[in-house]
Amino acid sequence: PPCGNPIHKSDIIHIDGGKSAICLTEYMHAALNATIRERPDGELCRETVEDIPELTATGYAWDQCRKNLATVIRDWIRNRQKEGRDLPSPRGYK
């Protein structure tokens, strides 16, 4: 797949059992757009990528929570790549 930004080269990652590929930046965008937001304890914000419960982050404000979630997703992707595992397709990605 083309990775739209000519200045920043994005990695190609495999999803759905290696049957398709997606740019890392596109995967990050899709995952960040497939989140469930909660504020369960009245203080911390929590965001979780829908259908991938291990991708959860918290923060005292929504923008901090979103930044933390992006880091969690990036690290999770890198760990799965190191293990040679494909990624599940984020909800809503076609």
Foldseek 3Di string as FASTA:
>chain_A
DDDPDPVDDFDWAAEDANPDIDTPVVQLVLQLVQWDWDDVPVAKIKIARPPHRVQMAIDRDPVVRSVRSSVSVVVVRVVCVVVVHGHYRGPPDD
